[in-house]
Amino acid sequence: MQSIICLKGGVARNETYRFSHPLTLNIEVGEHLAIVGTNGSGKSLLVDTLLGKYPLKEGTLSYDFFPSVSNSVYDNIKYIAFRDTYGAADANYYYQQRWNAHDQEDTPMVKDCLGEVTDTQLRDELFGLFAIEPMLDKKLILLSSGELRKFQLTKTLLTNPRVLVMDNPFIGLDAKTRDLLHELLQRLTSRSSLQIILILSMLDDIPRFITHVLPVNERTCGEKILRQNYLDNYVPSNIPALSEEKKQSIIDLAYSDQLFASEEVVKLNKVFIRYGERTILKELDWTIIRGQKWALSGENGAGKSTLLSLVCADNPQSYACDISLFGRKRGTGESIWEIKKHIGYVSPEMHRAYLKNLPTIEIVASGLHDSIGLYKKPRPDQMDICEWWMDIFGILSIKDRPFLQLSSGEQRLVLLARAFVKDPELLILDEPLHGLDTYNRKMVKAIVEAFCERKDKTIIYVTHYENELPASITDRLILKRNK
């Protein structure tokens, strides 16, 4: 059989990127591989090794991309990773840039980033699947997290790769789009020479078109096995994701003596947001009472992130709207930072923009002052709180590791600890379980449930997966595009 990628006895030259044992793996023609494992197990490291990113000290790495006319990795393998969403624009992107019109002039339009198209039939199919047409005249920076995933998938598939590598491709997509993408990939793999490698954190969610599964655990690569054999032998862990002791310690946390007294945490009155010809929010009324737990939903591009940017005081247009937070109307002299002290927030946009390579505990500590990076040295008692929350999230052992050396799942846990560290009155969780493995998803959900048991804690929770919602949800807001 033809091996499109063949790694024999591979040992990286740099010790930082080595596995526990020499790597041997053949990916043969017609195979579609799912690489599965827990957060931090080495899944992305394995893919980077297969792509030749790290020179080998021992072993060999070879490719055979026939029937492609080129045998170069660059021409044949395309990799959609979590941080590649903006492509070339990623290097200059910063959190809140999406909401600041004066910093968008030099950012490209979607239509200018798609590249040359040779397969017009595939283009039309992808444009229809992902609703690309309405995005073409938008600045790339203005796309929502889900829209960016759709754009990147479209752009990459249009290059007609021999091998397509995707890191958790279904996260951030609404339910309808996830189903359509499954069907599209199934069709593409059956009618072309395209082969797919998926990096998956959810160990029990393997698409039908996958032929083989490769488990990775603690930088050890297991045997490649048939998909059905893997599913037949998969046994979910019955270990409680959050101990009773940790759960009770969250519930028993002491309350601050500097809480707001207002019964209304958020009040939006006829809020209207427009960018050029596009209406994002139209005369939206929304009142959140202290202690309520809201689920915020809507298809990709419906305006969820824009709405949250108003609540978090990140969007300059909030000053032109009738918005009150904790009983204080925006634009009446209140300090943004005084408001933010009472809000904990995590989102895909924040994760993508957080490029500070500080020790992990300093990333958590930056949540005390709502900074991207740590510019004010925390007191010893504040550092103790940071360590306490890191222990709750199971990441205390990596407190001294540089943030950018962590896996994307480990980074998400760090940013979640950052959102909780000041014990906020309003907790905003936008797709909080993105990229987390099955165990960590259960753990984070249990932490949120425990937090919800505390008096007067208010939550806005965004997800495209109904089973991710806490049981304590009391209210729902569903946004519809252009309405």
Protein backbone atom coordinates (compact mmCIF):
# COMPACT_ATOMS: atom_id res chain seq x y z
CA MET A 1 0.00 0.00 0.00
CA GLN A 2 1.07 3.56 -0.72
CA SER A 3 1.92 5.49 2.46
CA ILE A 4 1.19 9.19 2.03
CA ILE A 5 2.97 9.92 5.33
CA CYS A 6 5.51 7.51 6.80
CA LEU A 7 7.30 8.20 10.08
CA LYS A 8 9.76 5.57 11.34
CA GLY A 9 11.49 5.79 14.72
CA GLY A 10 11.14 9.57 14.85
CA VAL A 11 12.86 11.44 17.68
CA ALA A 12 12.84 15.25 17.59
CA ARG A 13 16.20 16.98 17.84
CA ASN A 14 14.84 19.45 20.39
CA GLU A 15 13.94 17.72 23.68
CA THR A 16 10.99 20.10 24.20
CA TYR A 17 9.15 18.48 21.27
CA ARG A 18 9.96 14.82 21.89
CA PHE A 19 7.54 12.01 22.66
CA SER A 20 8.16 9.47 25.40
CA HIS A 21 9.15 6.88 22.77
CA PRO A 22 10.32 7.07 19.15
CA LEU A 23 7.36 7.67 16.81
CA THR A 24 6.37 5.22 14.10
CA LEU A 25 3.22 5.83 12.05
CA ASN A 26 2.04 5.01 8.53
CA ILE A 27 -0.94 6.82 7.04
CA GLU A 28 -1.93 4.92 3.92
CA VAL A 29 -3.99 5.85 0.87
CA GLY A 30 -7.70 6.01 1.63
CA GLU A 31 -7.27 6.32 5.40
CA HIS A 32 -8.90 9.16 7.30
CA LEU A 33 -7.43 9.52 10.76
CA ALA A 34 -8.78 10.90 14.04
CA ILE A 35 -6.06 11.70 16.58
CA VAL A 36 -7.72 11.62 20.00
CA GLY A 37 -6.49 12.29 23.52
CA THR A 38 -6.87 14.42 26.60
CA ASN A 39 -5.83 18.08 26.75
CA GLY A 40 -2.04 18.35 26.83
CA SER A 41 -1.51 14.74 25.74
CA GLY A 42 0.53 15.69 22.64
CA LYS A 43 -2.03 15.54 19.79
CA SER A 44 -0.97 18.81 18.14
CA LEU A 45 2.69 18.01 18.81
CA LEU A 46 2.28 14.75 16.88
CA VAL A 47 0.72 16.55 13.92
CA ASP A 48 3.52 19.15 13.90
CA THR A 49 6.02 16.29 13.87
CA LEU A 50 4.23 14.58 10.95
CA LEU A 51 4.32 17.88 9.04
CA GLY A 52 8.10 18.13 9.50
CA LYS A 53 7.97 21.17 11.75
CA TYR A 54 10.60 19.74 14.11
CA PRO A 55 13.87 18.36 12.66
CA LEU A 56 14.55 14.77 13.64
CA LYS A 57 17.57 13.58 15.61
CA GLU A 58 16.71 9.96 14.79
CA GLY A 59 14.42 8.20 12.36
CA THR A 60 12.96 9.10 8.98
CA LEU A 61 9.94 11.01 7.71
CA SER A 62 8.81 10.56 4.11
CA TYR A 63 5.82 11.47 1.93
CA ASP A 64 4.15 10.15 -1.22
CA PHE A 65 1.33 12.45 -2.33
CA PHE A 66 0.53 10.70 -5.63
CA PRO A 67 -1.57 11.47 -7.70
CA SER A 68 -0.58 15.06 -6.84
CA VAL A 69 2.02 16.38 -9.31
CA SER A 70 4.00 17.94 -6.45
CA ASN A 71 5.45 16.05 -3.51
CA SER A 72 6.05 19.05 -1.24
CA VAL A 73 4.35 19.30 2.14
CA TYR A 74 3.48 22.96 1.51
CA ASP A 75 1.53 22.15 -1.67
CA ASN A 76 -0.26 19.08 -0.38
CA ILE A 77 -0.98 19.42 3.35
CA LYS A 78 -3.19 22.21 4.70
CA TYR A 79 -3.63 22.62 8.44
CA ILE A 80 -6.44 24.54 10.11
CA ALA A 81 -5.33 25.16 13.69
CA PHE A 82 -7.16 27.08 16.41
CA ARG A 83 -5.01 30.20 16.18
CA ASP A 84 -4.99 30.41 12.38
CA THR A 85 -8.44 31.91 12.10
CA TYR A 86 -7.39 35.29 10.73
CA GLY A 87 -4.59 33.90 8.57
CA ALA A 88 -1.97 36.54 7.80
CA ALA A 89 -3.92 39.13 9.82
CA ASP A 90 -3.47 37.12 13.05
CA ALA A 91 -0.06 38.61 13.86
CA ASN A 92 -1.45 42.12 14.24
CA TYR A 93 -4.81 41.26 15.78
CA TYR A 94 -5.60 42.44 19.28
CA TYR A 95 -8.56 41.91 21.57
CA GLN A 96 -11.28 44.58 21.05
CA GLN A 97 -9.96 45.45 17.56
CA ARG A 98 -13.16 44.06 16.08
CA TRP A 99 -15.18 46.77 17.82
CA ASN A 100 -12.87 49.72 17.01
CA ALA A 101 -13.69 51.05 13.53
CA HIS A 102 -10.61 53.30 13.35
CA ASP A 103 -8.35 50.23 13.61
CA GLN A 104 -10.02 48.31 10.78
CA GLU A 105 -8.95 50.39 7.78
CA ASP A 106 -5.94 48.23 6.88
CA THR A 107 -7.64 44.88 7.49
CA PRO A 108 -8.55 42.90 4.35
CA MET A 109 -11.98 42.06 3.02
CA VAL A 110 -13.15 38.45 3.03
CA LYS A 111 -13.37 38.34 -0.77
CA ASP A 112 -9.73 39.40 -1.05
CA CYS A 113 -8.54 36.54 1.16
CA LEU A 114 -10.10 33.55 -0.59
CA GLY A 115 -7.38 33.23 -3.23
CA GLU A 116 -7.70 31.88 -6.76
CA VAL A 117 -10.59 29.47 -7.33
CA THR A 118 -10.28 26.71 -9.94
CA ASP A 119 -13.14 24.42 -8.87
CA THR A 120 -16.21 26.62 -9.31
CA GLN A 121 -18.58 23.74 -8.50
CA LEU A 122 -16.91 23.20 -5.11
CA ARG A 123 -16.86 26.97 -4.53
CA ASP A 124 -20.60 27.23 -5.11
CA GLU A 125 -21.22 24.25 -2.81
CA LEU A 126 -19.07 25.73 -0.01
CA PHE A 127 -20.57 29.21 -0.43
CA GLY A 128 -24.03 27.71 -0.05
CA LEU A 129 -23.08 25.50 2.89
CA PHE A 130 -21.37 28.21 4.92
CA ALA A 131 -23.41 31.23 3.70
CA ILE A 132 -20.21 32.89 2.46
CA GLU A 133 -21.87 35.29 -0.02
CA PRO A 134 -23.05 37.79 2.64
CA MET A 135 -19.56 37.79 4.17
CA LEU A 136 -17.61 38.65 1.01
CA ASP A 137 -17.82 42.43 1.43
CA LYS A 138 -17.13 42.35 5.19
CA LYS A 139 -13.79 43.09 6.79
CA LEU A 140 -12.19 39.84 7.91
CA ILE A 141 -11.82 41.29 11.39
CA LEU A 142 -15.61 41.75 11.67
CA LEU A 143 -16.47 38.08 11.30
CA SER A 144 -17.79 36.29 14.35
CA SER A 145 -15.88 33.34 15.76
CA GLY A 146 -18.18 30.88 13.98
CA GLU A 147 -18.07 32.83 10.71
CA LEU A 148 -14.27 32.79 10.86
CA ARG A 149 -14.29 29.00 11.17
CA LYS A 150 -16.55 28.82 8.10
CA PHE A 151 -14.31 31.18 6.12
CA GLN A 152 -11.14 29.29 7.00
CA LEU A 153 -12.71 25.94 6.07
CA THR A 154 -13.91 27.37 2.74
CA LYS A 155 -10.56 28.96 1.91
CA THR A 156 -8.63 25.81 2.74
CA LEU A 157 -10.91 23.37 0.92
CA LEU A 158 -10.76 25.56 -2.21
CA THR A 159 -6.97 24.96 -2.41
CA ASN A 160 -7.77 21.30 -3.21
CA PRO A 161 -5.32 19.83 -0.67
CA ARG A 162 -4.17 16.22 -0.80
CA VAL A 163 -4.26 16.06 3.00
CA LEU A 164 -6.45 18.28 5.18
CA VAL A 165 -5.59 18.51 8.89
CA MET A 166 -8.20 20.12 11.14
CA ASP A 167 -8.04 20.88 14.85
CA ASN A 168 -11.52 20.36 16.35
CA PRO A 169 -13.24 21.60 13.15
CA PHE A 170 -16.80 21.47 14.50
CA ILE A 171 -16.38 23.72 17.53
CA GLY A 172 -17.89 27.19 17.20
CA LEU A 173 -20.33 26.08 14.49
CA ASP A 174 -24.07 26.08 15.03
CA ALA A 175 -25.87 22.72 14.96
CA LYS A 176 -27.14 23.02 11.38
CA THR A 177 -23.69 23.91 10.02
CA ARG A 178 -22.03 21.07 11.95
CA ASP A 179 -24.38 18.55 10.34
CA LEU A 180 -23.83 20.01 6.86
CA LEU A 181 -20.05 20.00 7.31
CA HIS A 182 -20.15 16.32 8.32
CA GLU A 183 -22.08 15.56 5.11
CA LEU A 184 -19.74 17.64 2.94
CA LEU A 185 -16.57 15.99 4.26
CA GLN A 186 -18.20 12.58 3.80
CA ARG A 187 -18.88 13.41 0.13
CA LEU A 188 -15.42 14.89 -0.49
CA THR A 189 -13.64 11.85 0.93
CA SER A 190 -15.71 9.51 -1.23
CA ARG A 191 -15.29 11.30 -4.54
CA SER A 192 -11.72 12.67 -4.46
CA SER A 193 -8.20 11.82 -3.33
CA LEU A 194 -8.56 14.11 -0.32
CA GLN A 195 -7.50 12.50 2.95
CA ILE A 196 -8.42 13.96 6.32
CA ILE A 197 -6.67 14.04 9.69
CA LEU A 198 -8.72 15.37 12.60
CA ILE A 199 -7.44 16.38 16.03
CA LEU A 200 -10.32 15.71 18.42
CA SER A 201 -10.68 16.43 22.11
CA MET A 202 -14.08 14.78 22.53
CA LEU A 203 -13.07 11.13 22.59
CA ASP A 204 -16.55 9.76 21.86
CA ASP A 205 -17.45 12.01 18.91
CA ILE A 206 -15.77 10.45 15.84
CA PRO A 207 -17.33 11.40 12.45
CA ARG A 208 -18.54 8.60 10.18
CA PHE A 209 -16.02 9.31 7.42
CA ILE A 210 -13.08 8.58 9.75
CA THR A 211 -11.58 5.13 9.06
CA HIS A 212 -8.96 4.91 11.83
CA VAL A 213 -8.37 6.32 15.31
CA LEU A 214 -4.99 7.05 16.87
CA PRO A 215 -5.02 7.49 20.67
CA VAL A 216 -2.36 9.76 22.20
CA ASN A 217 -1.72 9.87 25.94
CA GLU A 218 0.99 11.69 27.91
CA ARG A 219 3.20 12.06 24.83
CA THR A 220 2.85 8.38 24.01
CA CYS A 221 1.40 7.40 20.65
CA GLY A 222 -0.84 4.32 20.69
CA GLU A 223 -1.63 1.89 17.88
CA LYS A 224 -3.74 3.00 14.93
CA ILE A 225 -7.04 1.12 15.15
CA LEU A 226 -10.21 0.87 13.07
CA ARG A 227 -12.87 3.45 14.01
CA GLN A 228 -15.51 0.87 14.90
CA ASN A 229 -13.08 -1.12 17.05
CA TYR A 230 -12.23 2.07 18.92
CA LEU A 231 -15.90 2.94 19.49
CA ASP A 232 -16.73 -0.62 20.57
CA ASN A 233 -14.02 -0.49 23.24
CA TYR A 234 -14.40 3.12 24.35
CA VAL A 235 -15.40 3.29 28.01
CA PRO A 236 -16.19 6.75 29.42
CA SER A 237 -14.59 7.54 32.75
CA ASN A 238 -16.83 7.24 35.78
CA ILE A 239 -14.44 9.22 37.97
CA PRO A 240 -16.23 12.33 39.34
CA ALA A 241 -14.97 15.35 37.44
CA LEU A 242 -15.15 17.56 40.54
CA SER A 243 -14.71 16.23 44.06
CA GLU A 244 -17.35 16.96 46.68
CA GLU A 245 -14.68 18.80 48.66
CA LYS A 246 -13.89 21.17 45.79
CA LYS A 247 -17.56 21.66 45.00
CA GLN A 248 -18.34 22.60 48.59
CA SER A 249 -15.35 24.93 48.81
CA ILE A 250 -16.72 26.88 45.82
CA ILE A 251 -20.20 27.09 47.37
CA ASP A 252 -18.71 28.21 50.71
CA LEU A 253 -16.58 31.04 49.30
CA ALA A 254 -16.86 34.23 51.33
CA TYR A 255 -18.70 37.12 49.68
CA SER A 256 -17.08 40.49 49.01
CA ASP A 257 -18.25 43.52 50.96
CA GLN A 258 -18.05 45.65 47.78
CA LEU A 259 -20.98 44.20 45.83
CA PHE A 260 -23.42 46.32 43.82
CA ALA A 261 -26.87 46.73 45.38
CA SER A 262 -28.87 47.06 42.14
CA GLU A 263 -31.42 44.37 41.35
CA GLU A 264 -30.87 45.01 37.62
CA VAL A 265 -27.47 43.69 36.52
CA VAL A 266 -27.92 44.45 32.81
CA LYS A 267 -30.55 46.63 31.13
CA LEU A 268 -30.58 47.29 27.40
CA ASN A 269 -33.28 49.60 26.05
CA LYS A 270 -33.97 49.60 22.29
CA VAL A 271 -30.30 48.93 21.51
CA PHE A 272 -29.47 49.36 17.83
CA ILE A 273 -26.04 48.39 16.42
CA ARG A 274 -25.12 48.89 12.80
CA TYR A 275 -21.88 48.58 10.84
CA GLY A 276 -22.15 50.25 7.45
CA GLU A 277 -25.12 48.67 5.69
CA ARG A 278 -25.34 45.76 8.12
CA THR A 279 -27.71 45.79 11.07
CA ILE A 280 -26.39 43.56 13.87
CA LEU A 281 -28.84 44.30 16.68
CA LYS A 282 -32.20 45.97 16.08
CA GLU A 283 -34.08 47.66 18.95
CA LEU A 284 -33.09 44.99 21.45
CA ASP A 285 -34.61 45.13 24.91
CA TRP A 286 -32.98 42.89 27.52
CA THR A 287 -33.06 43.05 31.30
CA ILE A 288 -31.09 40.67 33.51
CA ILE A 289 -32.05 40.53 37.17
CA ARG A 290 -29.50 39.65 39.83
CA GLY A 291 -29.27 35.90 40.33
CA GLN A 292 -30.68 34.94 36.91
CA LYS A 293 -28.87 32.41 34.73
CA TRP A 294 -29.27 33.18 31.02
CA ALA A 295 -28.58 31.00 27.98
CA LEU A 296 -27.72 33.18 24.96
CA SER A 297 -28.01 31.42 21.61
CA GLY A 298 -28.34 32.03 17.88
CA GLU A 299 -26.77 30.93 14.61
CA ASN A 300 -23.27 32.04 13.63
CA GLY A 301 -23.28 35.78 12.85
CA ALA A 302 -26.52 36.50 14.71
CA GLY A 303 -24.85 39.11 16.93
CA LYS A 304 -24.05 37.22 20.15
CA SER A 305 -20.46 38.44 20.40
CA THR A 306 -21.51 42.01 19.58
CA LEU A 307 -24.11 41.88 22.34
CA LEU A 308 -21.57 40.59 24.86
CA SER A 309 -19.07 43.30 23.84
CA LEU A 310 -21.69 45.88 24.89
CA VAL A 311 -22.27 44.20 28.24
CA CYS A 312 -18.52 43.94 28.89
CA ALA A 313 -17.93 47.60 27.94
CA ASP A 314 -15.54 46.57 25.13
CA ASN A 315 -17.54 48.12 22.31
CA PRO A 316 -17.31 51.94 21.80
CA GLN A 317 -20.87 51.95 20.40
CA SER A 318 -22.13 51.15 23.89
CA TYR A 319 -21.81 54.87 24.74
CA ALA A 320 -24.37 55.70 22.05
CA CYS A 321 -26.84 53.15 23.38
CA ASP A 322 -29.20 53.13 26.33
CA ILE A 323 -27.37 50.58 28.48
CA SER A 324 -27.17 50.24 32.26
CA LEU A 325 -24.86 47.87 34.11
CA PHE A 326 -25.39 47.22 37.82
CA GLY A 327 -27.85 50.11 37.87
CA ARG A 328 -25.39 52.59 36.34
CA LYS A 329 -26.14 54.03 32.92
CA ARG A 330 -23.26 53.96 30.44
CA GLY A 331 -21.86 57.38 29.60
CA THR A 332 -22.82 59.05 32.88
CA GLY A 333 -19.29 59.23 34.24
CA GLU A 334 -18.85 55.72 35.60
CA SER A 335 -15.46 54.06 35.22
CA ILE A 336 -15.26 51.12 32.81
CA TRP A 337 -12.74 49.49 35.11
CA GLU A 338 -15.02 49.89 38.11
CA ILE A 339 -17.71 48.02 36.16
CA LYS A 340 -15.31 45.36 34.87
CA LYS A 341 -14.16 44.53 38.40
CA HIS A 342 -17.52 42.81 38.87
CA ILE A 343 -17.53 40.87 35.57
CA GLY A 344 -15.70 37.64 34.72
CA TYR A 345 -15.47 36.86 31.01
CA VAL A 346 -14.02 34.25 28.65
CA SER A 347 -14.62 33.89 24.91
CA PRO A 348 -13.05 32.49 21.72
CA GLU A 349 -12.07 36.05 20.73
CA MET A 350 -10.24 36.58 24.00
CA HIS A 351 -8.49 33.22 23.70
CA ARG A 352 -7.36 33.95 20.14
CA ALA A 353 -6.00 37.38 21.10
CA TYR A 354 -4.23 36.31 24.29
CA LEU A 355 -0.66 35.98 23.00
CA LYS A 356 1.25 36.86 26.16
CA ASN A 357 3.87 34.20 26.85
CA LEU A 358 3.88 34.77 30.60
CA PRO A 359 3.98 32.10 33.30
CA THR A 360 0.51 30.61 33.51
CA ILE A 361 -0.18 31.88 37.03
CA GLU A 362 0.44 35.44 35.83
CA ILE A 363 -2.19 34.96 33.11
CA VAL A 364 -4.68 33.93 35.81
CA ALA A 365 -3.61 36.88 37.98
CA SER A 366 -4.22 39.32 35.09
CA GLY A 367 -7.94 38.63 35.61
CA LEU A 368 -7.76 40.52 38.91
CA HIS A 369 -7.25 43.77 36.97
CA ASP A 370 -8.83 42.86 33.59
CA SER A 371 -5.55 43.32 31.73
CA ILE A 372 -4.13 41.39 28.78
CA GLY A 373 -0.88 40.64 30.54
CA LEU A 374 0.21 41.43 34.10
CA TYR A 375 1.17 45.05 34.76
CA LYS A 376 0.51 45.26 38.48
CA LYS A 377 2.17 42.87 40.90
CA PRO A 378 -0.49 41.00 42.90
CA ARG A 379 -0.29 40.84 46.68
CA PRO A 380 0.65 37.48 48.25
CA ASP A 381 -2.97 36.89 49.31
CA GLN A 382 -4.11 37.54 45.73
CA MET A 383 -1.58 35.02 44.42
CA ASP A 384 -2.97 32.52 46.92
CA ILE A 385 -6.42 33.06 45.39
CA CYS A 386 -4.97 32.49 41.91
CA GLU A 387 -3.41 29.22 43.02
CA TRP A 388 -6.68 28.19 44.67
CA TRP A 389 -8.65 28.63 41.46
CA MET A 390 -5.93 26.91 39.42
CA ASP A 391 -6.23 23.95 41.77
CA ILE A 392 -10.03 23.96 41.31
CA PHE A 393 -9.52 23.76 37.53
CA GLY A 394 -6.82 21.08 37.85
CA ILE A 395 -4.01 23.18 36.40
CA LEU A 396 -1.96 24.10 39.48
CA SER A 397 0.86 21.79 38.35
CA ILE A 398 1.46 23.94 35.23
CA LYS A 399 1.42 27.32 37.02
CA ASP A 400 5.03 28.13 36.03
CA ARG A 401 4.84 26.96 32.41
CA PRO A 402 4.73 29.67 29.69
CA PHE A 403 1.18 30.18 28.47
CA LEU A 404 1.96 29.79 24.75
CA GLN A 405 3.64 26.44 25.34
CA LEU A 406 0.38 24.95 26.62
CA SER A 407 -2.09 23.07 24.44
CA SER A 408 -5.17 25.04 23.36
CA GLY A 409 -7.28 23.04 25.84
CA GLU A 410 -4.92 23.82 28.71
CA GLN A 411 -4.97 27.49 27.68
CA ARG A 412 -8.77 27.47 27.81
CA LEU A 413 -8.68 26.14 31.40
CA VAL A 414 -6.22 28.90 32.33
CA LEU A 415 -8.49 31.59 30.87
CA LEU A 416 -11.47 30.10 32.68
CA ALA A 417 -9.57 30.31 35.98
CA ARG A 418 -8.78 33.92 35.02
CA ALA A 419 -12.53 34.64 34.63
CA PHE A 420 -13.37 33.19 38.05
CA VAL A 421 -10.41 34.57 40.02
CA LYS A 422 -12.15 37.74 41.25
CA ASP A 423 -15.35 35.86 42.15
CA PRO A 424 -17.44 38.05 39.81
CA GLU A 425 -21.05 39.05 40.32
CA LEU A 426 -21.68 38.61 36.58
CA LEU A 427 -20.00 35.66 34.87
CA ILE A 428 -20.05 35.61 31.06
CA LEU A 429 -19.01 32.31 29.50
CA ASP A 430 -18.91 32.37 25.70
CA GLU A 431 -18.33 28.82 24.38
CA PRO A 432 -16.37 27.94 27.56
CA LEU A 433 -15.90 24.26 26.69
CA HIS A 434 -14.24 24.87 23.30
CA GLY A 435 -11.43 22.37 22.75
CA LEU A 436 -11.77 20.66 26.13
CA ASP A 437 -11.60 16.89 26.41
CA THR A 438 -14.48 14.84 27.78
CA TYR A 439 -13.20 14.84 31.37
CA ASN A 440 -12.42 18.57 31.48
CA ARG A 441 -15.78 19.41 29.93
CA LYS A 442 -17.50 17.56 32.78
CA MET A 443 -15.23 19.27 35.31
CA VAL A 444 -15.84 22.82 34.03
CA LYS A 445 -19.58 22.21 33.83
CA ALA A 446 -19.53 20.98 37.45
CA ILE A 447 -17.57 24.07 38.53
CA VAL A 448 -20.13 26.33 36.84
CA GLU A 449 -22.97 24.42 38.50
CA ALA A 450 -21.34 24.87 41.93
CA PHE A 451 -20.78 28.58 41.26
CA CYS A 452 -24.45 28.90 40.28
CA GLU A 453 -25.52 27.59 43.70
CA ARG A 454 -24.15 30.72 45.36
CA LYS A 455 -26.46 33.57 46.24
CA ASP A 456 -27.06 36.33 43.67
CA LYS A 457 -24.52 35.04 41.13
CA THR A 458 -25.62 36.01 37.60
CA ILE A 459 -24.53 34.15 34.48
CA ILE A 460 -24.73 34.56 30.71
CA TYR A 461 -23.80 31.28 29.00
CA VAL A 462 -23.27 30.93 25.24
CA THR A 463 -23.02 27.57 23.49
CA HIS A 464 -24.14 25.80 20.32
CA TYR A 465 -24.46 22.52 22.25
CA GLU A 466 -27.63 22.14 24.30
CA ASN A 467 -26.05 19.48 26.56
CA GLU A 468 -23.36 21.94 27.67
CA LEU A 469 -25.83 24.25 29.41
CA PRO A 470 -25.87 24.23 33.23
CA ALA A 471 -29.00 22.72 34.78
CA SER A 472 -29.50 26.00 36.65
CA ILE A 473 -30.37 28.02 33.52
CA THR A 474 -33.47 30.12 34.27
CA ASP A 475 -33.95 32.22 31.11
CA ARG A 476 -33.11 32.22 27.40
CA LEU A 477 -32.43 34.82 24.73
CA ILE A 478 -32.28 33.64 21.12
CA LEU A 479 -30.84 36.07 18.57
CA LYS A 480 -31.73 35.90 14.89
CA ARG A 481 -29.61 37.38 12.14
CA ASN A 482 -30.57 40.96 11.18
CA LYS A 483 -33.47 40.98 13.67
